[in-house]
Amino acid sequence: MPELPDVEGFRQVFVSCAQGRVIGRIDVRDAGVLHGTSVRGFREALEGRRFTASERRGKWLLAHTGGPTLMLHFGMTGSLVCARPEEEAEAHDRVLFGVGARRQLRFRDQRKLQGLWLAWGGDEVERMLARQGPDALTVGRAEFETVLSERRAAVKTVLIDQSALAGLGNLLADEILWRAGLRPGVRANELTEPDRRRLYEQMRRTLRSSVTAGRVPPRPSWLTGHRDDRTPICPRCGTPLRRSRTAGRGTVWCPRCQP
């Protein structure tokens, strides 16, 4: 599932492929990924405009045009791909944007759980993102600690709740909690001040490395590098990892490092 680092990676694809370029013909191969607009309305709103800038907000990618803002959410299987127009489209390429003479930006998504929206003006963008919490990459420590101290749910549940903190998903939450030595099921408002400080510091470090990699990297020294092993062990202490469920999500943790 694309998380904050993945979306940053998709933004880099967008910048190198489409930013600053005029939008040519848009080929909507599957209207099911469009929300709040028809195929005709989508094409009329964007064709002939120029992609002027981009930004990431949590798991959203915003592509500005000087007119409507294209808002992309990648759900569980979405991505952006830069291709040449003559390259055959894949089965899950849903919308193809002609950008310049020799490039095509493709929105690819197998499961189609989210998709593409158009927002007219900054107020509409803010309205669509109004329920989203502060961005995990830029949130200050004081605000982060306030988010935790005000919630009684399990700390992992809070970390992956986009209305509490935007951008984190299942892999990042497990990795950050393992690094911080905190069990996923402990209540967020029961964490001590040192716990919250350590969690914030490890979140920042994990995100910096993950953004650089463009994903949550499955490195041997990371929990992420072992969670899918047949008999996973903790890369720090060698203890067999435990599996459980938190907020309906598969959770991996070390009973020794996360007491």
C-alpha atoms as a PDB file:
ATOM      1  CA  MET A   1       0.000   0.000   0.000  1.00  0.00           C
ATOM      2  CA  PRO A   2       1.545   3.343  -0.984  1.00  0.00           C
ATOM      3  CA  GLU A   3       2.557   5.365   2.055  1.00  0.00           C
ATOM      4  CA  LEU A   4       4.157   8.777   2.440  1.00  0.00           C
ATOM      5  CA  PRO A   5       7.572   7.772   0.972  1.00  0.00           C
ATOM      6  CA  ASP A   6       5.924   6.100  -2.021  1.00  0.00           C
ATOM      7  CA  VAL A   7       3.854   9.185  -2.770  1.00  0.00           C
ATOM      8  CA  GLU A   8       6.990  11.328  -2.538  1.00  0.00           C
ATOM      9  CA  GLY A   9       8.495   8.956  -5.081  1.00  0.00           C
ATOM     10  CA  PHE A  10       5.456   9.334  -7.340  1.00  0.00           C
ATOM     11  CA  ARG A  11       5.813  13.110  -7.032  1.00  0.00           C
ATOM     12  CA  GLN A  12       9.366  12.835  -8.322  1.00  0.00           C
ATOM     13  CA  VAL A  13       8.069  10.818 -11.283  1.00  0.00           C
ATOM     14  CA  PHE A  14       5.523  13.567 -11.886  1.00  0.00           C
ATOM     15  CA  VAL A  15       8.168  16.316 -11.673  1.00  0.00           C
ATOM     16  CA  SER A  16      10.534  14.640 -14.122  1.00  0.00           C
ATOM     17  CA  CYS A  17       7.815  13.535 -16.542  1.00  0.00           C
ATOM     18  CA  ALA A  18       5.076  16.157 -16.509  1.00  0.00           C
ATOM     19  CA  GLN A  19       5.733  19.238 -14.392  1.00  0.00           C
ATOM     20  CA  GLY A  20       6.098  22.361 -16.532  1.00  0.00           C
ATOM     21  CA  ARG A  21       4.628  20.623 -19.580  1.00  0.00           C
ATOM     22  CA  VAL A  22       1.386  21.202 -21.435  1.00  0.00           C
ATOM     23  CA  ILE A  23      -1.248  18.523 -21.048  1.00  0.00           C
ATOM     24  CA  GLY A  24      -2.112  17.042 -24.414  1.00  0.00           C
ATOM     25  CA  ARG A  25      -4.640  14.337 -25.098  1.00  0.00           C
ATOM     26  CA  ILE A  26      -5.925  12.471 -22.043  1.00  0.00           C
ATOM     27  CA  ASP A  27      -6.897   8.864 -22.620  1.00  0.00           C
ATOM     28  CA  VAL A  28      -9.292   7.702 -19.903  1.00  0.00           C
ATOM     29  CA  ARG A  29      -9.250   3.943 -20.212  1.00  0.00           C
ATOM     30  CA  ASP A  30     -11.310   3.361 -17.069  1.00  0.00           C
ATOM     31  CA  ALA A  31     -13.748   6.017 -15.887  1.00  0.00           C
ATOM     32  CA  GLY A  32     -14.108   4.175 -12.577  1.00  0.00           C
ATOM     33  CA  VAL A  33     -11.073   5.991 -11.175  1.00  0.00           C
ATOM     34  CA  LEU A  34     -12.595   9.437 -11.780  1.00  0.00           C
ATOM     35  CA  HIS A  35     -14.539  10.965  -8.888  1.00  0.00           C
ATOM     36  CA  GLY A  36     -16.973  13.853  -9.120  1.00  0.00           C
ATOM     37  CA  THR A  37     -16.491  14.367 -12.846  1.00  0.00           C
ATOM     38  CA  SER A  38     -17.282  12.737 -16.169  1.00  0.00           C
ATOM     39  CA  VAL A  39     -14.665  11.697 -18.703  1.00  0.00           C
ATOM     40  CA  ARG A  40     -15.672  14.621 -20.887  1.00  0.00           C
ATOM     41  CA  GLY A  41     -15.546  17.087 -18.016  1.00  0.00           C
ATOM     42  CA  PHE A  42     -12.185  15.759 -16.886  1.00  0.00           C
ATOM     43  CA  ARG A  43     -10.643  16.149 -20.322  1.00  0.00           C
ATOM     44  CA  GLU A  44     -12.146  19.594 -20.929  1.00  0.00           C
ATOM     45  CA  ALA A  45     -10.841  20.811 -17.564  1.00  0.00           C
ATOM     46  CA  LEU A  46      -7.251  19.707 -18.131  1.00  0.00           C
ATOM     47  CA  GLU A  47      -6.355  19.349 -21.808  1.00  0.00           C
ATOM     48  CA  GLY A  48      -4.380  22.339 -23.044  1.00  0.00           C
ATOM     49  CA  ARG A  49      -3.392  23.471 -19.554  1.00  0.00           C
ATOM     50  CA  ARG A  50       0.099  23.210 -18.109  1.00  0.00           C
ATOM     51  CA  PHE A  51       1.129  21.299 -15.008  1.00  0.00           C
ATOM     52  CA  THR A  52       2.734  24.117 -13.050  1.00  0.00           C
ATOM     53  CA  ALA A  53       3.623  22.656  -9.660  1.00  0.00           C
ATOM     54  CA  SER A  54       3.091  19.689  -7.371  1.00  0.00           C
ATOM     55  CA  GLU A  55       2.964  18.914  -3.683  1.00  0.00           C
ATOM     56  CA  ARG A  56       2.276  15.993  -1.390  1.00  0.00           C
ATOM     57  CA  ARG A  57      -0.197  16.212   1.495  1.00  0.00           C
ATOM     58  CA  GLY A  58      -0.173  13.003   3.512  1.00  0.00           C
ATOM     59  CA  LYS A  59      -0.917  10.247   0.996  1.00  0.00           C
ATOM     60  CA  TRP A  60      -2.342  12.717  -1.551  1.00  0.00           C
ATOM     61  CA  LEU A  61      -0.470  14.096  -4.540  1.00  0.00           C
ATOM     62  CA  LEU A  62      -1.653  17.492  -5.780  1.00  0.00           C
ATOM     63  CA  ALA A  63      -0.831  18.511  -9.345  1.00  0.00           C
ATOM     64  CA  HIS A  64      -1.537  22.198  -9.949  1.00  0.00           C
ATOM     65  CA  THR A  65      -2.352  23.667 -13.344  1.00  0.00           C
ATOM     66  CA  GLY A  66      -3.169  27.323 -12.729  1.00  0.00           C
ATOM     67  CA  GLY A  67      -6.793  26.224 -13.121  1.00  0.00           C
ATOM     68  CA  PRO A  68      -8.095  23.055 -11.473  1.00  0.00           C
ATOM     69  CA  THR A  69      -5.858  21.032  -9.200  1.00  0.00           C
ATOM     70  CA  LEU A  70      -5.596  17.356 -10.046  1.00  0.00           C
ATOM     71  CA  MET A  71      -5.732  15.388  -6.784  1.00  0.00           C
ATOM     72  CA  LEU A  72      -4.425  11.830  -6.859  1.00  0.00           C
ATOM     73  CA  HIS A  73      -4.838   9.205  -4.157  1.00  0.00           C
ATOM     74  CA  PHE A  74      -3.190   5.845  -4.770  1.00  0.00           C
ATOM     75  CA  GLY A  75      -5.249   3.638  -2.463  1.00  0.00           C
ATOM     76  CA  MET A  76      -3.570   0.261  -1.988  1.00  0.00           C
ATOM     77  CA  THR A  77      -2.139  -0.424  -5.447  1.00  0.00           C
ATOM     78  CA  GLY A  78      -1.867   2.879  -7.316  1.00  0.00           C
ATOM     79  CA  SER A  79       1.263   4.387  -8.864  1.00  0.00           C
ATOM     80  CA  LEU A  80       2.508   6.866 -11.465  1.00  0.00           C
ATOM     81  CA  VAL A  81       4.598   5.756 -14.426  1.00  0.00           C
ATOM     82  CA  CYS A  82       6.356   7.806 -17.096  1.00  0.00           C
ATOM     83  CA  ALA A  83       6.281   6.130 -20.519  1.00  0.00           C
ATOM     84  CA  ARG A  84       6.547   6.865 -24.216  1.00  0.00           C
ATOM     85  CA  PRO A  85       3.262   7.161 -26.106  1.00  0.00           C
ATOM     86  CA  GLU A  86       4.175   4.284 -28.410  1.00  0.00           C
ATOM     87  CA  GLU A  87       4.702   1.882 -25.495  1.00  0.00           C
ATOM     88  CA  GLU A  88       1.769  -0.476 -25.091  1.00  0.00           C
ATOM     89  CA  ALA A  89      -0.400   0.353 -22.094  1.00  0.00           C
ATOM     90  CA  GLU A  90      -0.618  -2.239 -19.351  1.00  0.00           C
ATOM     91  CA  ALA A  91      -3.891  -3.757 -18.171  1.00  0.00           C
ATOM     92  CA  HIS A  92      -4.055  -1.567 -15.081  1.00  0.00           C
ATOM     93  CA  ASP A  93      -3.146   1.743 -16.744  1.00  0.00           C
ATOM     94  CA  ARG A  94      -6.370   3.657 -16.056  1.00  0.00           C
ATOM     95  CA  VAL A  95      -5.633   7.221 -17.235  1.00  0.00           C
ATOM     96  CA  LEU A  96      -2.912   8.283 -19.698  1.00  0.00           C
ATOM     97  CA  PHE A  97      -1.853  11.944 -19.874  1.00  0.00           C
ATOM     98  CA  GLY A  98      -0.011  13.147 -22.940  1.00  0.00           C
ATOM     99  CA  VAL A  99       2.667  15.569 -21.710  1.00  0.00           C
ATOM    100  CA  GLY A 100       4.903  17.106 -24.333  1.00  0.00           C
ATOM    101  CA  ALA A 101       5.725  15.403 -27.601  1.00  0.00           C
ATOM    102  CA  ARG A 102       7.366  12.203 -26.383  1.00  0.00           C
ATOM    103  CA  ARG A 103       6.083  11.493 -22.883  1.00  0.00           C
ATOM    104  CA  GLN A 104       3.019  10.027 -21.289  1.00  0.00           C
ATOM    105  CA  LEU A 105       2.186  10.079 -17.594  1.00  0.00           C
ATOM    106  CA  ARG A 106       0.172   7.013 -16.620  1.00  0.00           C
ATOM    107  CA  PHE A 107      -1.973   6.493 -13.543  1.00  0.00           C
ATOM    108  CA  ARG A 108      -1.760   2.767 -12.882  1.00  0.00           C
ATOM    109  CA  ASP A 109      -3.937   1.037 -10.303  1.00  0.00           C
ATOM    110  CA  GLN A 110      -4.985  -2.577 -10.014  1.00  0.00           C
ATOM    111  CA  ARG A 111      -7.676  -2.425  -7.330  1.00  0.00           C
ATOM    112  CA  LYS A 112      -9.074   1.089  -7.966  1.00  0.00           C
ATOM    113  CA  LEU A 113      -9.834   1.846  -4.326  1.00  0.00           C
ATOM    114  CA  GLN A 114      -9.200   5.586  -4.719  1.00  0.00           C
ATOM    115  CA  GLY A 115      -8.343   7.523  -7.887  1.00  0.00           C
ATOM    116  CA  LEU A 116      -8.460  11.059  -9.303  1.00  0.00           C
ATOM    117  CA  TRP A 117     -10.382  14.190  -8.328  1.00  0.00           C
ATOM    118  CA  LEU A 118     -10.488  17.766  -9.618  1.00  0.00           C
ATOM    119  CA  ALA A 119     -10.531  20.673  -7.182  1.00  0.00           C
ATOM    120  CA  TRP A 120     -11.301  24.188  -8.393  1.00  0.00           C
ATOM    121  CA  GLY A 121      -9.402  26.615  -6.202  1.00  0.00           C
ATOM    122  CA  GLY A 122      -7.511  26.366  -2.944  1.00  0.00           C
ATOM    123  CA  ASP A 123     -10.671  26.426  -0.836  1.00  0.00           C
ATOM    124  CA  GLU A 124     -11.935  23.250  -2.469  1.00  0.00           C
ATOM    125  CA  VAL A 125      -8.569  21.546  -1.969  1.00  0.00           C
ATOM    126  CA  GLU A 126      -8.650  22.447   1.724  1.00  0.00           C
ATOM    127  CA  ARG A 127     -12.250  21.267   2.009  1.00  0.00           C
ATOM    128  CA  MET A 128     -11.345  17.880   0.565  1.00  0.00           C
ATOM    129  CA  LEU A 129      -8.417  17.553   2.970  1.00  0.00           C
ATOM    130  CA  ALA A 130     -10.172  19.048   5.988  1.00  0.00           C
ATOM    131  CA  ARG A 131     -10.448  15.749   7.865  1.00  0.00           C
ATOM    132  CA  GLN A 132      -6.755  14.993   7.457  1.00  0.00           C
ATOM    133  CA  GLY A 133      -4.368  15.382  10.354  1.00  0.00           C
ATOM    134  CA  PRO A 134      -0.934  17.034  10.269  1.00  0.00           C
ATOM    135  CA  ASP A 135       1.574  15.598   7.814  1.00  0.00           C
ATOM    136  CA  ALA A 136       3.877  13.054   9.441  1.00  0.00           C
ATOM    137  CA  LEU A 137       6.951  14.424   7.655  1.00  0.00           C
ATOM    138  CA  THR A 138       6.500  18.017   8.781  1.00  0.00           C
ATOM    139  CA  VAL A 139       4.591  17.811  12.078  1.00  0.00           C
ATOM    140  CA  GLY A 140       6.376  19.416  15.020  1.00  0.00           C
ATOM    141  CA  ARG A 141       7.098  17.439  18.156  1.00  0.00           C
ATOM    142  CA  ALA A 142       4.710  19.409  20.345  1.00  0.00           C
ATOM    143  CA  GLU A 143       1.791  18.863  17.958  1.00  0.00           C
ATOM    144  CA  PHE A 144       2.729  15.189  17.572  1.00  0.00           C
ATOM    145  CA  GLU A 145       2.730  14.681  21.323  1.00  0.00           C
ATOM    146  CA  THR A 146      -0.640  16.426  21.608  1.00  0.00           C
ATOM    147  CA  VAL A 147      -2.121  14.086  19.000  1.00  0.00           C
ATOM    148  CA  LEU A 148      -0.984  11.077  21.033  1.00  0.00           C
ATOM    149  CA  SER A 149      -1.940  12.376  24.453  1.00  0.00           C
ATOM    150  CA  GLU A 150      -5.521  13.127  23.356  1.00  0.00           C
ATOM    151  CA  ARG A 151      -6.302   9.614  22.079  1.00  0.00           C
ATOM    152  CA  ARG A 152      -7.094   6.463  24.042  1.00  0.00           C
ATOM    153  CA  ALA A 153      -6.741   4.072  21.100  1.00  0.00           C
ATOM    154  CA  ALA A 154      -3.741   1.795  20.587  1.00  0.00           C
ATOM    155  CA  VAL A 155      -0.715   3.787  19.515  1.00  0.00           C
ATOM    156  CA  LYS A 156      -0.483   1.961  16.173  1.00  0.00           C
ATOM    157  CA  THR A 157      -4.155   2.722  15.506  1.00  0.00           C
ATOM    158  CA  VAL A 158      -3.419   6.412  16.056  1.00  0.00           C
ATOM    159  CA  LEU A 159      -0.330   6.380  13.836  1.00  0.00           C
ATOM    160  CA  ILE A 160      -2.207   4.945  10.836  1.00  0.00           C
ATOM    161  CA  ASP A 161      -5.338   7.056  11.394  1.00  0.00           C
ATOM    162  CA  GLN A 162      -5.123   9.693   8.639  1.00  0.00           C
ATOM    163  CA  SER A 163      -7.353  12.052  10.614  1.00  0.00           C
ATOM    164  CA  ALA A 164      -4.795  11.987  13.436  1.00  0.00           C
ATOM    165  CA  LEU A 165      -1.558  11.944  11.427  1.00  0.00           C
ATOM    166  CA  ALA A 166      -1.388  11.931   7.634  1.00  0.00           C
ATOM    167  CA  GLY A 167       0.967   9.775   5.604  1.00  0.00           C
ATOM    168  CA  LEU A 168       1.785   6.728   7.713  1.00  0.00           C
ATOM    169  CA  GLY A 169       0.588   3.246   6.825  1.00  0.00           C
ATOM    170  CA  ASN A 170       1.000  -0.276   8.114  1.00  0.00           C
ATOM    171  CA  LEU A 171       4.660  -0.853   7.238  1.00  0.00           C
ATOM    172  CA  LEU A 172       5.867   2.491   8.533  1.00  0.00           C
ATOM    173  CA  ALA A 173       3.910   2.220  11.771  1.00  0.00           C
ATOM    174  CA  ASP A 174       5.349  -1.212  12.584  1.00  0.00           C
ATOM    175  CA  GLU A 175       8.873  -0.089  11.691  1.00  0.00           C
ATOM    176  CA  ILE A 176       8.677   3.097  13.763  1.00  0.00           C
ATOM    177  CA  LEU A 177       7.219   1.354  16.814  1.00  0.00           C
ATOM    178  CA  TRP A 178       9.876  -1.370  16.651  1.00  0.00           C
ATOM    179  CA  ARG A 179      12.637   1.231  16.482  1.00  0.00           C
ATOM    180  CA  ALA A 180      11.089   3.120  19.405  1.00  0.00           C
ATOM    181  CA  GLY A 181      10.713  -0.063  21.489  1.00  0.00           C
ATOM    182  CA  LEU A 182       6.966   0.380  21.923  1.00  0.00           C
ATOM    183  CA  ARG A 183       4.340  -2.348  21.659  1.00  0.00           C
ATOM    184  CA  PRO A 184       1.675  -1.555  19.031  1.00  0.00           C
ATOM    185  CA  GLY A 185      -1.234  -2.167  21.383  1.00  0.00           C
ATOM    186  CA  VAL A 186      -0.294   0.232  24.185  1.00  0.00           C
ATOM    187  CA  ARG A 187      -2.746   3.113  24.489  1.00  0.00           C
ATOM    188  CA  ALA A 188      -1.467   6.326  22.988  1.00  0.00           C
ATOM    189  CA  ASN A 189      -2.493   8.474  25.957  1.00  0.00           C
ATOM    190  CA  GLU A 190      -0.622   6.174  28.353  1.00  0.00           C
ATOM    191  CA  LEU A 191       2.768   6.808  26.771  1.00  0.00           C
ATOM    192  CA  THR A 192       5.227   8.695  28.910  1.00  0.00           C
ATOM    193  CA  GLU A 193       6.888  11.886  27.762  1.00  0.00           C
ATOM    194  CA  PRO A 194      10.145   9.999  27.013  1.00  0.00           C
ATOM    195  CA  ASP A 195       8.107   7.429  25.047  1.00  0.00           C
ATOM    196  CA  ARG A 196       6.504  10.142  22.940  1.00  0.00           C
ATOM    197  CA  ARG A 197       9.819  11.901  22.356  1.00  0.00           C
ATOM    198  CA  ARG A 198      11.508   8.649  21.314  1.00  0.00           C
ATOM    199  CA  LEU A 199       8.617   7.756  19.019  1.00  0.00           C
ATOM    200  CA  TYR A 200       8.779  11.148  17.335  1.00  0.00           C
ATOM    201  CA  GLU A 201      12.544  10.922  16.823  1.00  0.00           C
ATOM    202  CA  GLN A 202      12.307   7.435  15.336  1.00  0.00           C
ATOM    203  CA  MET A 203       9.455   8.500  13.074  1.00  0.00           C
ATOM    204  CA  ARG A 204      11.565  11.337  11.711  1.00  0.00           C
ATOM    205  CA  ARG A 205      14.579   9.085  11.109  1.00  0.00           C
ATOM    206  CA  THR A 206      12.524   6.340   9.466  1.00  0.00           C
ATOM    207  CA  LEU A 207      10.759   8.808   7.199  1.00  0.00           C
ATOM    208  CA  ARG A 208      13.977  10.506   6.115  1.00  0.00           C
ATOM    209  CA  SER A 209      15.492   7.175   5.066  1.00  0.00           C
ATOM    210  CA  SER A 210      12.280   5.980   3.432  1.00  0.00           C
ATOM    211  CA  VAL A 211      11.723   9.177   1.459  1.00  0.00           C
ATOM    212  CA  THR A 212      15.277   8.949   0.125  1.00  0.00           C
ATOM    213  CA  ALA A 213      14.579   5.375  -0.989  1.00  0.00           C
ATOM    214  CA  GLY A 214      11.137   6.244  -2.392  1.00  0.00           C
ATOM    215  CA  ARG A 215       9.555   3.444  -0.368  1.00  0.00           C
ATOM    216  CA  VAL A 216       9.779   1.683   2.988  1.00  0.00           C
ATOM    217  CA  PRO A 217      12.981  -0.220   2.182  1.00  0.00           C
ATOM    218  CA  PRO A 218      13.118  -3.928   3.134  1.00  0.00           C
ATOM    219  CA  ARG A 219      16.672  -3.645   4.439  1.00  0.00           C
ATOM    220  CA  PRO A 220      18.140  -6.556   6.449  1.00  0.00           C
ATOM    221  CA  SER A 221      18.622  -4.267   9.459  1.00  0.00           C
ATOM    222  CA  TRP A 222      14.966  -3.143   9.369  1.00  0.00           C
ATOM    223  CA  LEU A 223      11.913  -4.922  10.721  1.00  0.00           C
ATOM    224  CA  THR A 224      10.411  -4.421   7.261  1.00  0.00           C
ATOM    225  CA  GLY A 225      13.128  -6.609   5.795  1.00  0.00           C
ATOM    226  CA  HIS A 226      11.939  -9.619   7.815  1.00  0.00           C
ATOM    227  CA  ARG A 227       8.191  -9.286   8.336  1.00  0.00           C
ATOM    228  CA  ASP A 228       7.385 -11.495   5.337  1.00  0.00           C
ATOM    229  CA  ASP A 229       9.925 -14.217   6.154  1.00  0.00           C
ATOM    230  CA  ARG A 230       8.473 -17.679   6.746  1.00  0.00           C
ATOM    231  CA  THR A 231       9.876 -17.701  10.287  1.00  0.00           C
ATOM    232  CA  PRO A 232      10.665 -14.031  10.937  1.00  0.00           C
ATOM    233  CA  ILE A 233      13.136 -13.078  13.636  1.00  0.00           C
ATOM    234  CA  CYS A 234      14.020  -9.693  15.046  1.00  0.00           C
ATOM    235  CA  PRO A 235      17.058  -8.230  13.268  1.00  0.00           C
ATOM    236  CA  ARG A 236      18.108  -6.559  16.513  1.00  0.00           C
ATOM    237  CA  CYS A 237      17.931  -9.375  19.086  1.00  0.00           C
ATOM    238  CA  GLY A 238      17.109 -12.560  17.143  1.00  0.00           C
ATOM    239  CA  THR A 239      13.832 -13.206  18.969  1.00  0.00           C
ATOM    240  CA  PRO A 240      11.024 -14.726  16.861  1.00  0.00           C
ATOM    241  CA  LEU A 241       8.677 -11.957  15.803  1.00  0.00           C
ATOM    242  CA  ARG A 242       5.017 -12.016  16.805  1.00  0.00           C
ATOM    243  CA  ARG A 243       2.068 -11.422  14.517  1.00  0.00           C
ATOM    244  CA  SER A 244      -1.218  -9.891  15.606  1.00  0.00           C
ATOM    245  CA  ARG A 245      -3.877  -7.520  14.313  1.00  0.00           C
ATOM    246  CA  THR A 246      -4.357  -3.873  15.214  1.00  0.00           C
ATOM    247  CA  ALA A 247      -7.255  -1.880  13.778  1.00  0.00           C
ATOM    248  CA  GLY A 248      -7.823  -4.772  11.382  1.00  0.00           C
ATOM    249  CA  ARG A 249      -4.275  -4.586  10.029  1.00  0.00           C
ATOM    250  CA  GLY A 250      -1.610  -7.275  10.162  1.00  0.00           C
ATOM    251  CA  THR A 251       0.948  -6.243  12.772  1.00  0.00           C
ATOM    252  CA  VAL A 252       4.482  -7.527  13.336  1.00  0.00           C
ATOM    253  CA  TRP A 253       6.444  -6.822  16.501  1.00  0.00           C
ATOM    254  CA  CYS A 254       9.204  -8.140  18.742  1.00  0.00           C
ATOM    255  CA  PRO A 255       8.137  -9.267  22.249  1.00  0.00           C
ATOM    256  CA  ARG A 256      11.631  -8.611  23.597  1.00  0.00           C
ATOM    257  CA  CYS A 257      12.418  -5.240  21.992  1.00  0.00           C
ATOM    258  CA  GLN A 258       8.853  -3.970  22.440  1.00  0.00           C
ATOM    259  CA  PRO A 259       7.970  -5.055  26.000  1.00  0.00           C
END
